[in-house]
Structure formats: structure tokens, C-alpha cells
Amino acid sequence: MKSVKEMEDYIAKQILKAQDEFLENANDEIPKLIISQISKGISPVAGEPRFAEYSKSYKQQMKDGQLDAFSKKPRPVNLKLTGILLDSLVTKINKSRGVLHIEFTDPLAEIHTVQGAGKSKTIRKMLPMQEGEEFNRVITQRIKKIFKEAVDKYLK
């Protein structure tokens, strides 16, 4: 029979393994899910509606063919023109803190999420960035599933 100290050490190691697995799997899956939600015109932020329509002037540019080179359509509002904005989603794992950091590096992300885009300053939240904000139900449920799978694997 193992001593209490041996059991504590074993459990601590298993918790770290579960944490590492969770971070790796979340790093693989969550960014793809965020982009998938945005590409459908859905904000990844809980409580946010579908992205607001494009402005009349932007839709007119589409109608006039000014955005034909980008195959831009009025619906869904998917924040994709050149692809640079969505491609700027980056992640960084900090294993010592047990944190997965997710951000868009393109300055347009902050404009859409915080400052507001266009003359009307339309907010289309791409990531939870404000105090109290969290991911929408689809993303939160996937995070919970990834976490449960990691815990179940190492802490049976």
C-alpha cells in the first residue's frame, strides 16, 4: 500500500498531465471553433447576437462590384475580406500557469470588438475581452468537454 505522501505526489502529477493535455487539445480545437463561429456570422462572445449587418455603403460597394476580387457577399457578416484578420488568430500556452491565451493580432480585431467599425462604430465582438464576458455556449461546452476528457484520462 502506498503512503499518503506517495498518493499525493501521484495525484499532483496526474493533475499536471491532465492540465497539459487539456491545454494542448484546447489549443488545437478552440481556435478553429472560434473561426467557424465568426465565419457563420456568429459572435463567439456569450450574449451577443449574430453580427450586425454591413453598412449600406459597404453593401453598395459589394453590389457595385468593388469587392468582387474578394468574393465578398452581404450575408453572413463573417468579417472576411482578404482573410488576414481571421488568419491573425494566435494562441500561446503557458503551462506553468495553466493558461491558454487567445488573441487576434490584426488591429482590425480591436476595432470590430471594442472601438466599433465604420462611421456607425458597429461592434462585432470577436473574442471576450471585457470584464465579465465569456465565450458563447457552443465554445464553452466544447471547452468543458475537452477538460472532462483530459481529467477522465488521468484521474480515473
C-alpha atoms as a PDB file:
ATOM      1  CA  MET A   1       0.000   0.000   0.000  1.00  0.00           C
ATOM      2  CA  LYS A   2       1.247   3.477  -0.882  1.00  0.00           C
ATOM      3  CA  SER A   3       1.802   6.139   1.725  1.00  0.00           C
ATOM      4  CA  VAL A   4      -0.302   9.292   1.815  1.00  0.00           C
ATOM      5  CA  LYS A   5       2.684  11.264   0.501  1.00  0.00           C
ATOM      6  CA  GLU A   6       3.109   8.890  -2.451  1.00  0.00           C
ATOM      7  CA  MET A   7      -0.602   9.184  -3.264  1.00  0.00           C
ATOM      8  CA  GLU A   8      -0.449  12.983  -3.054  1.00  0.00           C
ATOM      9  CA  ASP A   9       2.568  13.036  -5.394  1.00  0.00           C
ATOM     10  CA  TYR A  10       0.851  10.678  -7.816  1.00  0.00           C
ATOM     11  CA  ILE A  11      -2.345  12.755  -7.878  1.00  0.00           C
ATOM     12  CA  ALA A  12      -0.377  16.005  -8.302  1.00  0.00           C
ATOM     13  CA  LYS A  13       1.459  14.501 -11.307  1.00  0.00           C
ATOM     14  CA  GLN A  14      -1.790  13.237 -12.821  1.00  0.00           C
ATOM     15  CA  ILE A  15      -3.389  16.667 -12.410  1.00  0.00           C
ATOM     16  CA  LEU A  16      -0.456  18.275 -14.242  1.00  0.00           C
ATOM     17  CA  LYS A  17      -0.728  15.694 -17.028  1.00  0.00           C
ATOM     18  CA  ALA A  18      -4.460  16.351 -17.332  1.00  0.00           C
ATOM     19  CA  GLN A  19      -3.835  20.100 -17.405  1.00  0.00           C
ATOM     20  CA  ASP A  20      -1.195  19.747 -20.120  1.00  0.00           C
ATOM     21  CA  GLU A  21      -3.458  17.519 -22.205  1.00  0.00           C
ATOM     22  CA  PHE A  22      -6.354  19.929 -21.783  1.00  0.00           C
ATOM     23  CA  LEU A  23      -4.223  22.893 -22.879  1.00  0.00           C
ATOM     24  CA  GLU A  24      -2.858  21.053 -25.919  1.00  0.00           C
ATOM     25  CA  ASN A  25      -6.289  19.822 -27.037  1.00  0.00           C
ATOM     26  CA  ALA A  26      -7.949  23.185 -26.388  1.00  0.00           C
ATOM     27  CA  ASN A  27      -5.148  24.849 -28.361  1.00  0.00           C
ATOM     28  CA  ASP A  28      -5.898  22.514 -31.283  1.00  0.00           C
ATOM     29  CA  GLU A  29      -9.690  22.825 -31.241  1.00  0.00           C
ATOM     30  CA  ILE A  30     -10.883  26.136 -29.790  1.00  0.00           C
ATOM     31  CA  PRO A  31      -9.258  28.499 -32.334  1.00  0.00           C
ATOM     32  CA  LYS A  32     -10.857  26.505 -35.178  1.00  0.00           C
ATOM     33  CA  LEU A  33     -14.216  26.701 -33.434  1.00  0.00           C
ATOM     34  CA  ILE A  34     -13.871  30.471 -32.924  1.00  0.00           C
ATOM     35  CA  ILE A  35     -13.138  30.973 -36.635  1.00  0.00           C
ATOM     36  CA  SER A  36     -16.008  28.657 -37.567  1.00  0.00           C
ATOM     37  CA  GLN A  37     -18.441  30.695 -35.448  1.00  0.00           C
ATOM     38  CA  ILE A  38     -17.220  34.017 -36.887  1.00  0.00           C
ATOM     39  CA  SER A  39     -17.401  32.627 -40.444  1.00  0.00           C
ATOM     40  CA  LYS A  40     -21.095  31.886 -39.854  1.00  0.00           C
ATOM     41  CA  GLY A  41     -21.716  35.430 -38.640  1.00  0.00           C
ATOM     42  CA  ILE A  42     -21.987  34.330 -35.000  1.00  0.00           C
ATOM     43  CA  SER A  43     -20.140  36.142 -32.250  1.00  0.00           C
ATOM     44  CA  PRO A  44     -18.052  33.811 -30.079  1.00  0.00           C
ATOM     45  CA  VAL A  45     -18.999  36.016 -27.108  1.00  0.00           C
ATOM     46  CA  ALA A  46     -21.899  34.928 -24.885  1.00  0.00           C
ATOM     47  CA  GLY A  47     -24.991  37.091 -25.068  1.00  0.00           C
ATOM     48  CA  GLU A  48     -24.015  38.711 -28.352  1.00  0.00           C
ATOM     49  CA  PRO A  49     -26.393  38.386 -31.302  1.00  0.00           C
ATOM     50  CA  ARG A  50     -25.389  37.490 -34.831  1.00  0.00           C
ATOM     51  CA  PHE A  51     -23.054  40.095 -36.232  1.00  0.00           C
ATOM     52  CA  ALA A  52     -24.822  43.314 -37.246  1.00  0.00           C
ATOM     53  CA  GLU A  53     -25.419  43.834 -40.950  1.00  0.00           C
ATOM     54  CA  TYR A  54     -22.841  45.594 -43.039  1.00  0.00           C
ATOM     55  CA  SER A  55     -23.487  49.296 -43.590  1.00  0.00           C
ATOM     56  CA  LYS A  56     -25.452  50.440 -46.623  1.00  0.00           C
ATOM     57  CA  SER A  57     -22.334  51.973 -48.158  1.00  0.00           C
ATOM     58  CA  TYR A  58     -20.350  48.740 -47.717  1.00  0.00           C
ATOM     59  CA  LYS A  59     -23.184  46.703 -49.220  1.00  0.00           C
ATOM     60  CA  GLN A  60     -23.302  49.159 -52.120  1.00  0.00           C
ATOM     61  CA  GLN A  61     -19.575  48.552 -52.714  1.00  0.00           C
ATOM     62  CA  MET A  62     -20.368  44.832 -52.935  1.00  0.00           C
ATOM     63  CA  LYS A  63     -23.270  45.481 -55.296  1.00  0.00           C
ATOM     64  CA  ASP A  64     -21.141  47.754 -57.486  1.00  0.00           C
ATOM     65  CA  GLY A  65     -18.508  45.024 -57.791  1.00  0.00           C
ATOM     66  CA  GLN A  66     -15.819  46.899 -55.891  1.00  0.00           C
ATOM     67  CA  LEU A  67     -15.228  43.849 -53.685  1.00  0.00           C
ATOM     68  CA  ASP A  68     -15.606  41.176 -56.408  1.00  0.00           C
ATOM     69  CA  ALA A  69     -11.913  40.293 -56.184  1.00  0.00           C
ATOM     70  CA  PHE A  70     -12.603  39.087 -52.641  1.00  0.00           C
ATOM     71  CA  SER A  71     -15.861  37.213 -53.399  1.00  0.00           C
ATOM     72  CA  LYS A  72     -17.489  39.280 -50.673  1.00  0.00           C
ATOM     73  CA  LYS A  73     -21.201  38.612 -50.023  1.00  0.00           C
ATOM     74  CA  PRO A  74     -23.582  40.634 -47.829  1.00  0.00           C
ATOM     75  CA  ARG A  75     -24.566  37.597 -45.699  1.00  0.00           C
ATOM     76  CA  PRO A  76     -23.374  36.147 -43.481  1.00  0.00           C
ATOM     77  CA  VAL A  77     -21.449  39.019 -41.950  1.00  0.00           C
ATOM     78  CA  ASN A  78     -18.282  36.954 -41.488  1.00  0.00           C
ATOM     79  CA  LEU A  79     -15.583  39.642 -41.168  1.00  0.00           C
ATOM     80  CA  LYS A  80     -13.651  38.041 -44.009  1.00  0.00           C
ATOM     81  CA  LEU A  81     -12.434  40.139 -46.873  1.00  0.00           C
ATOM     82  CA  THR A  82      -8.798  39.227 -47.502  1.00  0.00           C
ATOM     83  CA  GLY A  83      -8.536  36.609 -44.740  1.00  0.00           C
ATOM     84  CA  ILE A  84      -5.778  38.495 -42.948  1.00  0.00           C
ATOM     85  CA  LEU A  85      -7.959  39.374 -39.950  1.00  0.00           C
ATOM     86  CA  LEU A  86      -9.157  35.837 -39.266  1.00  0.00           C
ATOM     87  CA  ASP A  87      -5.719  34.402 -40.015  1.00  0.00           C
ATOM     88  CA  SER A  88      -4.276  36.625 -37.293  1.00  0.00           C
ATOM     89  CA  LEU A  89      -5.781  34.472 -34.520  1.00  0.00           C
ATOM     90  CA  VAL A  90      -2.876  33.219 -32.417  1.00  0.00           C
ATOM     91  CA  THR A  91      -2.610  31.153 -29.273  1.00  0.00           C
ATOM     92  CA  LYS A  92       0.022  30.731 -26.626  1.00  0.00           C
ATOM     93  CA  ILE A  93       0.121  28.071 -23.933  1.00  0.00           C
ATOM     94  CA  ASN A  94       1.578  28.954 -20.543  1.00  0.00           C
ATOM     95  CA  LYS A  95       1.838  25.525 -18.887  1.00  0.00           C
ATOM     96  CA  SER A  96       3.263  26.840 -15.624  1.00  0.00           C
ATOM     97  CA  ARG A  97       0.142  28.969 -15.123  1.00  0.00           C
ATOM     98  CA  GLY A  98      -2.256  26.550 -16.811  1.00  0.00           C
ATOM     99  CA  VAL A  99      -3.410  29.202 -19.286  1.00  0.00           C
ATOM    100  CA  LEU A 100      -4.239  29.230 -22.977  1.00  0.00           C
ATOM    101  CA  HIS A 101      -4.038  32.794 -24.290  1.00  0.00           C
ATOM    102  CA  ILE A 102      -6.034  33.524 -27.464  1.00  0.00           C
ATOM    103  CA  GLU A 103      -5.922  36.779 -29.405  1.00  0.00           C
ATOM    104  CA  PHE A 104      -6.167  38.349 -32.829  1.00  0.00           C
ATOM    105  CA  THR A 105      -3.018  40.255 -33.745  1.00  0.00           C
ATOM    106  CA  ASP A 106      -4.583  42.282 -36.569  1.00  0.00           C
ATOM    107  CA  PRO A 107      -5.580  45.760 -35.294  1.00  0.00           C
ATOM    108  CA  LEU A 108      -8.942  45.390 -37.074  1.00  0.00           C
ATOM    109  CA  ALA A 109      -9.944  42.861 -34.403  1.00  0.00           C
ATOM    110  CA  GLU A 110      -9.866  45.521 -31.694  1.00  0.00           C
ATOM    111  CA  ILE A 111     -11.730  47.916 -33.967  1.00  0.00           C
ATOM    112  CA  HIS A 112     -14.534  45.382 -34.522  1.00  0.00           C
ATOM    113  CA  THR A 113     -14.583  44.171 -30.915  1.00  0.00           C
ATOM    114  CA  VAL A 114     -14.014  47.323 -28.853  1.00  0.00           C
ATOM    115  CA  GLN A 115     -13.977  50.574 -30.824  1.00  0.00           C
ATOM    116  CA  GLY A 116     -16.588  49.820 -33.460  1.00  0.00           C
ATOM    117  CA  ALA A 117     -16.204  49.588 -37.228  1.00  0.00           C
ATOM    118  CA  GLY A 118     -17.169  52.168 -39.819  1.00  0.00           C
ATOM    119  CA  LYS A 119     -18.874  55.507 -39.405  1.00  0.00           C
ATOM    120  CA  SER A 120     -21.579  53.946 -37.236  1.00  0.00           C
ATOM    121  CA  LYS A 121     -18.971  52.339 -34.922  1.00  0.00           C
ATOM    122  CA  THR A 122     -20.677  48.936 -35.154  1.00  0.00           C
ATOM    123  CA  ILE A 123     -19.394  46.471 -32.560  1.00  0.00           C
ATOM    124  CA  ARG A 124     -18.939  42.871 -33.667  1.00  0.00           C
ATOM    125  CA  LYS A 125     -17.292  41.071 -30.760  1.00  0.00           C
ATOM    126  CA  MET A 126     -14.744  38.520 -31.918  1.00  0.00           C
ATOM    127  CA  LEU A 127     -13.410  37.462 -28.503  1.00  0.00           C
ATOM    128  CA  PRO A 128     -14.464  38.053 -24.904  1.00  0.00           C
ATOM    129  CA  MET A 129     -12.237  40.959 -23.902  1.00  0.00           C
ATOM    130  CA  GLN A 130     -14.199  42.948 -21.345  1.00  0.00           C
ATOM    131  CA  GLU A 131     -14.625  42.180 -17.644  1.00  0.00           C
ATOM    132  CA  GLY A 132     -17.411  39.610 -17.216  1.00  0.00           C
ATOM    133  CA  GLU A 133     -17.515  38.488 -20.846  1.00  0.00           C
ATOM    134  CA  GLU A 134     -17.149  34.820 -21.715  1.00  0.00           C
ATOM    135  CA  PHE A 135     -17.345  32.549 -24.716  1.00  0.00           C
ATOM    136  CA  ASN A 136     -20.750  31.602 -26.114  1.00  0.00           C
ATOM    137  CA  ARG A 137     -22.454  28.332 -25.205  1.00  0.00           C
ATOM    138  CA  VAL A 138     -21.068  26.354 -28.168  1.00  0.00           C
ATOM    139  CA  ILE A 139     -17.462  27.204 -27.335  1.00  0.00           C
ATOM    140  CA  THR A 140     -17.943  26.901 -23.564  1.00  0.00           C
ATOM    141  CA  GLN A 141     -19.479  23.440 -23.939  1.00  0.00           C
ATOM    142  CA  ARG A 142     -16.560  22.333 -26.124  1.00  0.00           C
ATOM    143  CA  ILE A 143     -14.042  23.652 -23.563  1.00  0.00           C
ATOM    144  CA  LYS A 144     -15.847  21.721 -20.816  1.00  0.00           C
ATOM    145  CA  LYS A 145     -15.826  18.550 -22.923  1.00  0.00           C
ATOM    146  CA  ILE A 146     -12.095  18.853 -23.637  1.00  0.00           C
ATOM    147  CA  PHE A 147     -11.458  19.421 -19.928  1.00  0.00           C
ATOM    148  CA  LYS A 148     -13.603  16.435 -18.876  1.00  0.00           C
ATOM    149  CA  GLU A 149     -11.849  14.160 -21.373  1.00  0.00           C
ATOM    150  CA  ALA A 150      -8.419  15.172 -20.028  1.00  0.00           C
ATOM    151  CA  VAL A 151      -9.473  14.722 -16.397  1.00  0.00           C
ATOM    152  CA  ASP A 152     -11.133  11.366 -17.107  1.00  0.00           C
ATOM    153  CA  LYS A 153      -7.999  10.126 -18.858  1.00  0.00           C
ATOM    154  CA  TYR A 154      -5.635  10.898 -15.980  1.00  0.00           C
ATOM    155  CA  LEU A 155      -7.819  10.874 -12.869  1.00  0.00           C
ATOM    156  CA  LYS A 156      -9.923   7.734 -13.140  1.00  0.00           C
END
